[in-house]
Amino acid sequence: MVKGGSESDPLSLAIWAKERPWWMVMQRRVRQNVANSITTDILHPVDSEQIPTQVEQYRANVQQGLRVILAKLSVIAGELQEGPVKTSKVQEDPRTKVRFITRIRKDGDAWVSEEINIKDNRLISQAQIGSDGTRELTLNYPHLPGEGTNPNLEGRKDLPTGTEVLFLNHAASLGVISWKGK
């Protein structure tokens, strides 16, 4: 996987997914869900001619959840065309001590969910969902150098399921839906 000349290491994605301590069960589960969906996109590209039925069903379930969230967000946003729709309080990563916010914002015809380091305004993770069907994913965790935990996925448009699952998890963390998808 190469994007703009920078390597994205699949092993880093696996390490990132399991980097949280065992007692942070929910964070580990969320990361594993995102990593699994990215792996699904890599192994079974959306435009592939032969996609297993199980993968098709998984993607259909993710898209159904996304439709529900986008409908709820549209009601919350009302007539808003640009700007934040839902923003978390400042949070602190218990492992790295990085302070960040999670937010969902409207950007024209696109919905953007993201985590931002408030110290330097750097993007940690982002999922962009365009009304035209475009998807773009960024997972960039440079704050633990040397530990192999940075998936280094920036502006990836070839991982639509991973993008949608990250968006779903950001929405759940902001209380748009429950963690169980209700």
N, C-alpha and C. Protein backbone atom coordinates (compact mmCIF):
# COMPACT_ATOMS: atom_id res chain seq x y z
N MET A 1 0.84 -1.17 0.00
CA MET A 1 0.00 0.00 0.00
C MET A 1 0.88 1.24 0.00
N VAL A 2 0.77 2.00 -1.03
CA VAL A 2 1.57 3.21 -1.11
C VAL A 2 0.65 4.38 -1.39
N LYS A 3 0.88 5.45 -0.71
CA LYS A 3 0.10 6.67 -0.92
C LYS A 3 1.07 7.83 -0.98
N GLY A 4 1.19 8.45 -2.12
CA GLY A 4 2.04 9.62 -2.25
C GLY A 4 3.47 9.36 -1.86
N GLY A 5 3.96 8.14 -2.06
CA GLY A 5 5.34 7.83 -1.77
C GLY A 5 5.59 7.38 -0.34
N SER A 6 4.62 7.48 0.56
CA SER A 6 4.85 7.04 1.94
C SER A 6 4.27 5.64 2.11
N GLU A 7 5.02 4.80 2.77
CA GLU A 7 4.60 3.42 2.99
C GLU A 7 3.62 3.33 4.15
N SER A 8 2.61 2.54 3.99
CA SER A 8 1.71 2.20 5.08
C SER A 8 1.97 0.74 5.39
N ASP A 9 2.39 0.46 6.59
CA ASP A 9 2.77 -0.88 6.99
C ASP A 9 1.58 -1.62 7.59
N PRO A 10 1.13 -2.73 6.97
CA PRO A 10 -0.01 -3.48 7.52
C PRO A 10 0.25 -3.96 8.95
N LEU A 11 1.51 -4.25 9.27
CA LEU A 11 1.84 -4.68 10.63
C LEU A 11 1.56 -3.55 11.62
N SER A 12 1.83 -2.30 11.23
CA SER A 12 1.54 -1.15 12.10
C SER A 12 0.05 -1.05 12.41
N LEU A 13 -0.79 -1.39 11.43
CA LEU A 13 -2.23 -1.37 11.65
C LEU A 13 -2.61 -2.40 12.71
N ALA A 14 -2.01 -3.59 12.63
CA ALA A 14 -2.29 -4.64 13.62
C ALA A 14 -1.78 -4.24 15.00
N ILE A 15 -0.60 -3.63 15.06
CA ILE A 15 -0.06 -3.18 16.35
C ILE A 15 -0.93 -2.06 16.91
N TRP A 16 -1.34 -1.12 16.06
CA TRP A 16 -2.20 -0.01 16.49
C TRP A 16 -3.50 -0.55 17.09
N ALA A 17 -4.07 -1.57 16.47
CA ALA A 17 -5.34 -2.14 16.93
C ALA A 17 -5.22 -2.74 18.33
N LYS A 18 -4.04 -3.24 18.68
CA LYS A 18 -3.87 -3.90 19.97
C LYS A 18 -3.00 -3.11 20.94
N GLU A 19 -2.72 -1.87 20.62
CA GLU A 19 -1.81 -1.05 21.42
C GLU A 19 -2.37 -0.65 22.78
N ARG A 20 -3.66 -0.61 22.95
CA ARG A 20 -4.29 -0.25 24.22
C ARG A 20 -4.08 -1.36 25.25
N PRO A 21 -3.93 -1.02 26.53
CA PRO A 21 -3.81 -2.05 27.57
C PRO A 21 -5.07 -2.92 27.62
N TRP A 22 -4.95 -4.12 28.15
CA TRP A 22 -6.05 -5.09 28.15
C TRP A 22 -7.29 -4.56 28.87
N TRP A 23 -7.12 -3.69 29.88
CA TRP A 23 -8.29 -3.21 30.62
C TRP A 23 -9.07 -2.14 29.87
N MET A 24 -8.53 -1.63 28.78
CA MET A 24 -9.26 -0.67 27.95
C MET A 24 -10.00 -1.44 26.86
N VAL A 25 -10.89 -2.30 27.30
CA VAL A 25 -11.57 -3.24 26.41
C VAL A 25 -12.30 -2.54 25.27
N MET A 26 -13.05 -1.48 25.58
CA MET A 26 -13.84 -0.81 24.54
C MET A 26 -12.93 -0.16 23.49
N GLN A 27 -11.86 0.50 23.92
CA GLN A 27 -10.95 1.12 22.95
C GLN A 27 -10.29 0.06 22.07
N ARG A 28 -9.89 -1.05 22.68
CA ARG A 28 -9.30 -2.14 21.89
C ARG A 28 -10.30 -2.68 20.88
N ARG A 29 -11.56 -2.83 21.30
CA ARG A 29 -12.60 -3.36 20.41
C ARG A 29 -12.86 -2.41 19.24
N VAL A 30 -12.93 -1.11 19.53
CA VAL A 30 -13.16 -0.12 18.47
C VAL A 30 -12.01 -0.17 17.47
N ARG A 31 -10.79 -0.15 17.97
CA ARG A 31 -9.63 -0.18 17.08
C ARG A 31 -9.61 -1.47 16.25
N GLN A 32 -9.96 -2.59 16.87
CA GLN A 32 -9.97 -3.86 16.14
C GLN A 32 -11.04 -3.84 15.05
N ASN A 33 -12.21 -3.26 15.33
CA ASN A 33 -13.27 -3.15 14.32
C ASN A 33 -12.81 -2.32 13.13
N VAL A 34 -12.15 -1.19 13.40
CA VAL A 34 -11.65 -0.34 12.32
C VAL A 34 -10.58 -1.09 11.53
N ALA A 35 -9.65 -1.73 12.22
CA ALA A 35 -8.58 -2.48 11.55
C ALA A 35 -9.14 -3.61 10.70
N ASN A 36 -10.14 -4.33 11.23
CA ASN A 36 -10.75 -5.42 10.47
C ASN A 36 -11.43 -4.91 9.20
N SER A 37 -12.11 -3.77 9.30
CA SER A 37 -12.79 -3.23 8.12
C SER A 37 -11.80 -2.75 7.07
N ILE A 38 -10.68 -2.19 7.50
CA ILE A 38 -9.63 -1.78 6.55
C ILE A 38 -9.04 -3.01 5.88
N THR A 39 -8.80 -4.05 6.67
CA THR A 39 -8.27 -5.29 6.12
C THR A 39 -9.25 -5.89 5.11
N THR A 40 -10.54 -5.82 5.41
CA THR A 40 -11.56 -6.31 4.47
C THR A 40 -11.47 -5.55 3.15
N ASP A 41 -11.31 -4.22 3.22
CA ASP A 41 -11.18 -3.42 1.99
C ASP A 41 -9.94 -3.79 1.20
N ILE A 42 -8.86 -4.11 1.90
CA ILE A 42 -7.62 -4.48 1.22
C ILE A 42 -7.75 -5.85 0.56
N LEU A 43 -8.30 -6.82 1.29
CA LEU A 43 -8.41 -8.18 0.77
C LEU A 43 -9.51 -8.35 -0.26
N HIS A 44 -10.58 -7.56 -0.11
CA HIS A 44 -11.74 -7.66 -1.00
C HIS A 44 -12.14 -6.27 -1.47
N PRO A 45 -11.40 -5.68 -2.41
CA PRO A 45 -11.75 -4.33 -2.88
C PRO A 45 -13.20 -4.28 -3.36
N VAL A 46 -13.83 -3.13 -3.14
CA VAL A 46 -15.24 -2.96 -3.48
C VAL A 46 -15.50 -3.25 -4.96
N ASP A 47 -14.57 -2.89 -5.82
CA ASP A 47 -14.77 -3.09 -7.26
C ASP A 47 -14.35 -4.47 -7.75
N SER A 48 -14.03 -5.38 -6.83
CA SER A 48 -13.64 -6.74 -7.18
C SER A 48 -14.85 -7.50 -7.74
N GLU A 49 -14.60 -8.39 -8.67
CA GLU A 49 -15.70 -9.15 -9.27
C GLU A 49 -16.21 -10.26 -8.37
N GLN A 50 -15.34 -10.80 -7.52
CA GLN A 50 -15.76 -11.89 -6.65
C GLN A 50 -15.59 -11.48 -5.19
N ILE A 51 -16.70 -11.13 -4.57
CA ILE A 51 -16.69 -10.76 -3.16
C ILE A 51 -17.52 -11.79 -2.41
N PRO A 52 -16.95 -12.39 -1.37
CA PRO A 52 -17.72 -13.39 -0.60
C PRO A 52 -19.01 -12.80 -0.05
N THR A 53 -20.03 -13.64 0.03
CA THR A 53 -21.34 -13.22 0.53
C THR A 53 -21.24 -12.62 1.92
N GLN A 54 -20.42 -13.20 2.77
CA GLN A 54 -20.25 -12.71 4.13
C GLN A 54 -19.72 -11.27 4.13
N VAL A 55 -18.80 -10.96 3.23
CA VAL A 55 -18.25 -9.60 3.13
C VAL A 55 -19.32 -8.64 2.60
N GLU A 56 -20.09 -9.09 1.61
CA GLU A 56 -21.18 -8.25 1.09
C GLU A 56 -22.19 -7.93 2.19
N GLN A 57 -22.53 -8.91 3.02
CA GLN A 57 -23.48 -8.69 4.11
C GLN A 57 -22.91 -7.74 5.15
N TYR A 58 -21.63 -7.91 5.48
CA TYR A 58 -20.97 -7.03 6.44
C TYR A 58 -21.02 -5.57 5.93
N ARG A 59 -20.68 -5.37 4.67
CA ARG A 59 -20.70 -4.02 4.10
C ARG A 59 -22.12 -3.46 4.07
N ALA A 60 -23.10 -4.29 3.78
CA ALA A 60 -24.50 -3.83 3.78
C ALA A 60 -24.92 -3.39 5.17
N ASN A 61 -24.51 -4.12 6.21
CA ASN A 61 -24.83 -3.75 7.59
C ASN A 61 -24.17 -2.43 7.98
N VAL A 62 -22.91 -2.25 7.58
CA VAL A 62 -22.20 -1.00 7.87
C VAL A 62 -22.91 0.16 7.18
N GLN A 63 -23.28 -0.02 5.92
CA GLN A 63 -23.94 1.06 5.18
C GLN A 63 -25.32 1.38 5.74
N GLN A 64 -26.02 0.37 6.24
CA GLN A 64 -27.32 0.62 6.87
C GLN A 64 -27.14 1.46 8.13
N GLY A 65 -26.15 1.14 8.94
CA GLY A 65 -25.85 1.93 10.13
C GLY A 65 -25.46 3.35 9.77
N LEU A 66 -24.69 3.50 8.70
CA LEU A 66 -24.27 4.83 8.26
C LEU A 66 -25.47 5.66 7.82
N ARG A 67 -26.42 5.05 7.11
CA ARG A 67 -27.63 5.78 6.68
C ARG A 67 -28.41 6.31 7.89
N VAL A 68 -28.51 5.49 8.94
CA VAL A 68 -29.22 5.90 10.15
C VAL A 68 -28.51 7.09 10.79
N ILE A 69 -27.20 7.00 10.92
CA ILE A 69 -26.43 8.09 11.54
C ILE A 69 -26.52 9.37 10.72
N LEU A 70 -26.38 9.26 9.40
CA LEU A 70 -26.44 10.46 8.57
C LEU A 70 -27.82 11.11 8.64
N ALA A 71 -28.87 10.31 8.75
CA ALA A 71 -30.22 10.87 8.91
C ALA A 71 -30.33 11.62 10.24
N LYS A 72 -29.80 11.04 11.31
CA LYS A 72 -29.84 11.71 12.61
C LYS A 72 -29.02 12.99 12.59
N LEU A 73 -27.85 12.93 11.96
CA LEU A 73 -27.00 14.12 11.89
C LEU A 73 -27.65 15.22 11.06
N SER A 74 -28.37 14.85 10.01
CA SER A 74 -29.06 15.85 9.19
C SER A 74 -30.10 16.60 10.00
N VAL A 75 -30.80 15.87 10.87
CA VAL A 75 -31.80 16.51 11.74
C VAL A 75 -31.10 17.46 12.72
N ILE A 76 -30.00 17.00 13.31
CA ILE A 76 -29.26 17.82 14.28
C ILE A 76 -28.70 19.07 13.60
N ALA A 77 -28.16 18.91 12.39
CA ALA A 77 -27.51 20.02 11.68
C ALA A 77 -28.52 21.03 11.14
N GLY A 78 -29.71 20.58 10.82
CA GLY A 78 -30.72 21.48 10.26
C GLY A 78 -30.25 22.06 8.94
N GLU A 79 -30.20 23.38 8.83
CA GLU A 79 -29.81 24.07 7.59
C GLU A 79 -28.31 24.33 7.49
N LEU A 80 -27.54 23.92 8.49
CA LEU A 80 -26.10 24.17 8.51
C LEU A 80 -25.41 23.54 7.29
N GLN A 81 -24.60 24.31 6.59
CA GLN A 81 -23.85 23.81 5.44
C GLN A 81 -22.37 23.61 5.75
N GLU A 82 -21.83 24.37 6.69
CA GLU A 82 -20.42 24.29 7.06
C GLU A 82 -20.31 24.42 8.57
N GLY A 83 -19.39 23.67 9.16
CA GLY A 83 -19.07 23.84 10.57
C GLY A 83 -19.41 22.65 11.43
N PRO A 84 -19.02 22.73 12.71
CA PRO A 84 -19.22 21.61 13.63
C PRO A 84 -20.68 21.36 13.95
N VAL A 85 -21.04 20.08 14.01
CA VAL A 85 -22.40 19.68 14.35
C VAL A 85 -22.40 19.07 15.76
N LYS A 86 -21.38 18.33 16.08
CA LYS A 86 -21.26 17.67 17.39
C LYS A 86 -19.77 17.66 17.76
N THR A 87 -19.43 18.10 18.98
CA THR A 87 -18.03 18.15 19.43
C THR A 87 -17.95 17.62 20.85
N SER A 88 -16.94 16.83 21.12
CA SER A 88 -16.73 16.29 22.46
C SER A 88 -16.06 17.33 23.36
N LYS A 89 -16.07 17.05 24.63
CA LYS A 89 -15.22 17.80 25.55
C LYS A 89 -13.78 17.37 25.28
N VAL A 90 -12.83 18.14 25.79
CA VAL A 90 -11.43 17.77 25.63
C VAL A 90 -11.19 16.46 26.39
N GLN A 91 -10.54 15.53 25.71
CA GLN A 91 -10.23 14.23 26.28
C GLN A 91 -8.72 14.07 26.33
N GLU A 92 -8.26 13.15 27.17
CA GLU A 92 -6.83 12.88 27.23
C GLU A 92 -6.59 11.39 27.02
N ASP A 93 -5.73 11.08 26.09
CA ASP A 93 -5.37 9.69 25.85
C ASP A 93 -4.61 9.20 27.09
N PRO A 94 -5.09 8.15 27.76
CA PRO A 94 -4.45 7.71 29.00
C PRO A 94 -3.04 7.17 28.80
N ARG A 95 -2.74 6.73 27.61
CA ARG A 95 -1.42 6.15 27.36
C ARG A 95 -0.40 7.19 26.95
N THR A 96 -0.78 8.09 26.03
CA THR A 96 0.17 9.05 25.48
C THR A 96 0.07 10.43 26.11
N LYS A 97 -1.02 10.66 26.85
CA LYS A 97 -1.31 11.96 27.47
C LYS A 97 -1.61 13.05 26.45
N VAL A 98 -1.86 12.69 25.20
CA VAL A 98 -2.25 13.65 24.17
C VAL A 98 -3.68 14.09 24.44
N ARG A 99 -3.91 15.40 24.46
CA ARG A 99 -5.25 15.95 24.66
C ARG A 99 -5.87 16.19 23.29
N PHE A 100 -7.13 15.75 23.13
CA PHE A 100 -7.77 15.82 21.82
C PHE A 100 -9.27 16.02 21.95
N ILE A 101 -9.88 16.39 20.82
CA ILE A 101 -11.34 16.44 20.74
C ILE A 101 -11.78 15.54 19.59
N THR A 102 -13.00 15.06 19.69
CA THR A 102 -13.63 14.33 18.60
C THR A 102 -14.79 15.20 18.14
N ARG A 103 -14.95 15.32 16.84
CA ARG A 103 -16.07 16.12 16.35
C ARG A 103 -16.56 15.59 15.02
N ILE A 104 -17.82 15.93 14.75
CA ILE A 104 -18.40 15.68 13.44
C ILE A 104 -18.80 17.04 12.91
N ARG A 105 -18.42 17.30 11.68
CA ARG A 105 -18.74 18.60 11.09
C ARG A 105 -19.26 18.41 9.67
N LYS A 106 -19.97 19.42 9.23
CA LYS A 106 -20.49 19.46 7.86
C LYS A 106 -19.51 20.28 7.05
N ASP A 107 -19.15 19.77 5.90
CA ASP A 107 -18.23 20.47 5.00
C ASP A 107 -18.85 20.47 3.60
N GLY A 108 -19.78 21.39 3.37
CA GLY A 108 -20.50 21.42 2.09
C GLY A 108 -21.39 20.20 1.98
N ASP A 109 -21.13 19.38 0.96
CA ASP A 109 -21.92 18.16 0.75
C ASP A 109 -21.32 16.94 1.45
N ALA A 110 -20.31 17.13 2.25
CA ALA A 110 -19.64 16.01 2.91
C ALA A 110 -19.80 16.10 4.42
N TRP A 111 -19.78 14.94 5.05
CA TRP A 111 -19.74 14.83 6.50
C TRP A 111 -18.33 14.42 6.86
N VAL A 112 -17.77 15.03 7.90
CA VAL A 112 -16.41 14.73 8.33
C VAL A 112 -16.42 14.44 9.83
N SER A 113 -15.90 13.27 10.20
CA SER A 113 -15.70 12.98 11.62
C SER A 113 -14.19 12.92 11.84
N GLU A 114 -13.74 13.47 12.99
CA GLU A 114 -12.29 13.55 13.18
C GLU A 114 -11.93 13.66 14.65
N GLU A 115 -10.71 13.24 14.92
CA GLU A 115 -10.07 13.47 16.22
C GLU A 115 -8.90 14.40 15.95
N ILE A 116 -8.79 15.45 16.77
CA ILE A 116 -7.75 16.45 16.55
C ILE A 116 -6.99 16.68 17.84
N ASN A 117 -5.66 16.65 17.74
CA ASN A 117 -4.77 16.97 18.86
C ASN A 117 -4.92 18.47 19.11
N ILE A 118 -5.37 18.86 20.31
CA ILE A 118 -5.64 20.28 20.55
C ILE A 118 -4.37 21.09 20.79
N LYS A 119 -3.27 20.42 21.11
CA LYS A 119 -2.02 21.15 21.35
C LYS A 119 -1.48 21.76 20.06
N ASP A 120 -1.43 20.97 19.01
CA ASP A 120 -0.85 21.46 17.75
C ASP A 120 -1.83 21.41 16.58
N ASN A 121 -3.11 21.11 16.88
CA ASN A 121 -4.17 21.08 15.87
C ASN A 121 -3.90 20.04 14.77
N ARG A 122 -3.15 18.99 15.10
CA ARG A 122 -2.85 17.94 14.13
C ARG A 122 -3.99 16.93 14.09
N LEU A 123 -4.22 16.44 12.90
CA LEU A 123 -5.24 15.43 12.68
C LEU A 123 -4.73 14.09 13.19
N ILE A 124 -5.54 13.42 14.01
CA ILE A 124 -5.20 12.09 14.51
C ILE A 124 -5.91 11.04 13.66
N SER A 125 -7.21 11.22 13.49
CA SER A 125 -7.98 10.33 12.62
C SER A 125 -9.10 11.13 11.98
N GLN A 126 -9.49 10.70 10.78
CA GLN A 126 -10.55 11.41 10.07
C GLN A 126 -11.24 10.47 9.09
N ALA A 127 -12.57 10.60 9.03
CA ALA A 127 -13.37 9.88 8.05
C ALA A 127 -14.24 10.90 7.33
N GLN A 128 -14.13 10.95 6.01
CA GLN A 128 -14.95 11.87 5.22
C GLN A 128 -15.92 11.06 4.39
N ILE A 129 -17.20 11.42 4.49
CA ILE A 129 -18.26 10.74 3.76
C ILE A 129 -18.91 11.77 2.84
N GLY A 130 -18.67 11.63 1.53
CA GLY A 130 -19.24 12.57 0.57
C GLY A 130 -20.62 12.15 0.13
N SER A 131 -21.49 13.11 -0.17
CA SER A 131 -22.83 12.78 -0.63
C SER A 131 -22.80 12.10 -2.00
N ASP A 132 -21.69 12.25 -2.71
CA ASP A 132 -21.53 11.62 -4.02
C ASP A 132 -20.97 10.20 -3.93
N GLY A 133 -20.84 9.68 -2.70
CA GLY A 133 -20.34 8.32 -2.51
C GLY A 133 -18.86 8.23 -2.25
N THR A 134 -18.15 9.35 -2.28
CA THR A 134 -16.70 9.31 -2.02
C THR A 134 -16.45 9.07 -0.53
N ARG A 135 -15.36 8.40 -0.26
CA ARG A 135 -14.94 8.10 1.10
C ARG A 135 -13.44 8.40 1.19
N GLU A 136 -13.01 8.98 2.31
CA GLU A 136 -11.59 9.24 2.51
C GLU A 136 -11.24 9.01 3.98
N LEU A 137 -10.15 8.27 4.20
CA LEU A 137 -9.75 7.85 5.55
C LEU A 137 -8.35 8.33 5.87
N THR A 138 -8.18 8.83 7.10
CA THR A 138 -6.85 9.15 7.62
C THR A 138 -6.75 8.56 9.01
N LEU A 139 -5.71 7.78 9.25
CA LEU A 139 -5.35 7.26 10.57
C LEU A 139 -3.88 7.59 10.75
N ASN A 140 -3.58 8.57 11.58
CA ASN A 140 -2.21 9.04 11.72
C ASN A 140 -1.92 9.25 13.21
N TYR A 141 -1.15 8.34 13.78
CA TYR A 141 -0.83 8.38 15.20
C TYR A 141 0.67 8.53 15.39
N PRO A 142 1.24 9.71 15.10
CA PRO A 142 2.69 9.87 15.17
C PRO A 142 3.23 10.08 16.58
N HIS A 143 2.37 10.12 17.60
CA HIS A 143 2.82 10.46 18.94
C HIS A 143 3.47 9.31 19.71
N LEU A 144 3.61 8.14 19.12
CA LEU A 144 4.34 7.05 19.75
C LEU A 144 5.41 6.55 18.78
N PRO A 145 6.37 7.41 18.43
CA PRO A 145 7.37 7.01 17.44
C PRO A 145 8.20 5.82 17.95
N GLY A 146 8.56 4.98 17.01
CA GLY A 146 9.40 3.85 17.35
C GLY A 146 8.65 2.65 17.90
N GLU A 147 7.37 2.79 18.17
CA GLU A 147 6.61 1.68 18.72
C GLU A 147 5.80 0.95 17.65
N GLY A 148 5.89 1.42 16.40
CA GLY A 148 5.20 0.76 15.31
C GLY A 148 3.69 0.89 15.36
N THR A 149 3.19 1.94 16.01
CA THR A 149 1.74 2.07 16.19
C THR A 149 1.10 3.06 15.23
N ASN A 150 1.83 3.57 14.26
CA ASN A 150 1.25 4.53 13.33
C ASN A 150 0.90 3.83 12.02
N PRO A 151 -0.40 3.61 11.76
CA PRO A 151 -0.78 2.97 10.49
C PRO A 151 -0.40 3.82 9.27
N ASN A 152 -0.20 5.13 9.47
CA ASN A 152 0.24 6.02 8.39
C ASN A 152 -0.67 5.96 7.17
N LEU A 153 -1.95 5.99 7.41
CA LEU A 153 -2.94 6.01 6.33
C LEU A 153 -3.44 7.44 6.21
N GLU A 154 -3.08 8.12 5.17
CA GLU A 154 -3.47 9.52 5.01
C GLU A 154 -4.17 9.74 3.67
N GLY A 155 -5.40 10.24 3.75
CA GLY A 155 -6.16 10.56 2.55
C GLY A 155 -6.46 9.37 1.67
N ARG A 156 -6.67 8.22 2.27
CA ARG A 156 -6.91 6.99 1.50
C ARG A 156 -8.35 6.93 1.03
N LYS A 157 -8.53 6.83 -0.28
CA LYS A 157 -9.87 6.75 -0.87
C LYS A 157 -10.25 5.33 -1.25
N ASP A 158 -9.33 4.39 -1.06
CA ASP A 158 -9.57 3.00 -1.46
C ASP A 158 -9.99 2.12 -0.29
N LEU A 159 -10.39 2.72 0.83
CA LEU A 159 -10.79 1.97 2.01
C LEU A 159 -12.18 2.44 2.49
N PRO A 160 -13.21 2.27 1.64
CA PRO A 160 -14.52 2.81 1.99
C PRO A 160 -15.15 2.21 3.23
N THR A 161 -15.01 0.91 3.43
CA THR A 161 -15.62 0.28 4.61
C THR A 161 -14.91 0.74 5.87
N GLY A 162 -13.59 0.82 5.82
CA GLY A 162 -12.82 1.33 6.95
C GLY A 162 -13.21 2.75 7.30
N THR A 163 -13.44 3.57 6.28
CA THR A 163 -13.87 4.95 6.48
C THR A 163 -15.23 4.99 7.17
N GLU A 164 -16.15 4.19 6.69
CA GLU A 164 -17.50 4.17 7.25
C GLU A 164 -17.50 3.67 8.70
N VAL A 165 -16.70 2.64 9.00
CA VAL A 165 -16.65 2.11 10.36
C VAL A 165 -16.02 3.13 11.31
N LEU A 166 -14.99 3.84 10.87
CA LEU A 166 -14.41 4.88 11.70
C LEU A 166 -15.44 5.98 11.97
N PHE A 167 -16.17 6.38 10.95
CA PHE A 167 -17.22 7.40 11.10
C PHE A 167 -18.27 6.93 12.11
N LEU A 168 -18.71 5.68 12.00
CA LEU A 168 -19.69 5.11 12.94
C LEU A 168 -19.18 5.17 14.37
N ASN A 169 -17.91 4.84 14.56
CA ASN A 169 -17.34 4.83 15.90
C ASN A 169 -17.19 6.25 16.46
N HIS A 170 -16.81 7.20 15.62
CA HIS A 170 -16.76 8.59 16.07
C HIS A 170 -18.16 9.05 16.49
N ALA A 171 -19.16 8.72 15.68
CA ALA A 171 -20.54 9.11 15.99
C ALA A 171 -21.00 8.49 17.30
N ALA A 172 -20.67 7.23 17.51
CA ALA A 172 -21.06 6.57 18.76
C ALA A 172 -20.37 7.22 19.95
N SER A 173 -19.09 7.59 19.79
CA SER A 173 -18.38 8.20 20.91
C SER A 173 -18.96 9.57 21.26
N LEU A 174 -19.62 10.21 20.30
CA LEU A 174 -20.25 11.51 20.54
C LEU A 174 -21.72 11.38 20.96
N GLY A 175 -22.21 10.15 21.07
CA GLY A 175 -23.57 9.92 21.53
C GLY A 175 -24.64 10.07 20.47
N VAL A 176 -24.25 10.11 19.18
CA VAL A 176 -25.25 10.20 18.11
C VAL A 176 -26.05 8.90 18.08
N ILE A 177 -25.37 7.79 18.31
CA ILE A 177 -26.02 6.48 18.47
C ILE A 177 -25.34 5.79 19.65
N SER A 178 -25.93 4.72 20.12
CA SER A 178 -25.30 3.96 21.19
C SER A 178 -24.23 3.06 20.57
N TRP A 179 -23.37 2.52 21.41
CA TRP A 179 -22.32 1.62 20.92
C TRP A 179 -22.92 0.37 20.30
N LYS A 180 -24.16 0.06 20.63
CA LYS A 180 -24.81 -1.13 20.07
C LYS A 180 -25.54 -0.80 18.78
N GLY A 181 -25.44 0.43 18.30
CA GLY A 181 -26.03 0.80 17.02
C GLY A 181 -27.49 1.19 17.07
N LYS A 182 -28.02 1.47 18.25
CA LYS A 182 -29.44 1.82 18.37
C LYS A 182 -29.61 3.31 18.40
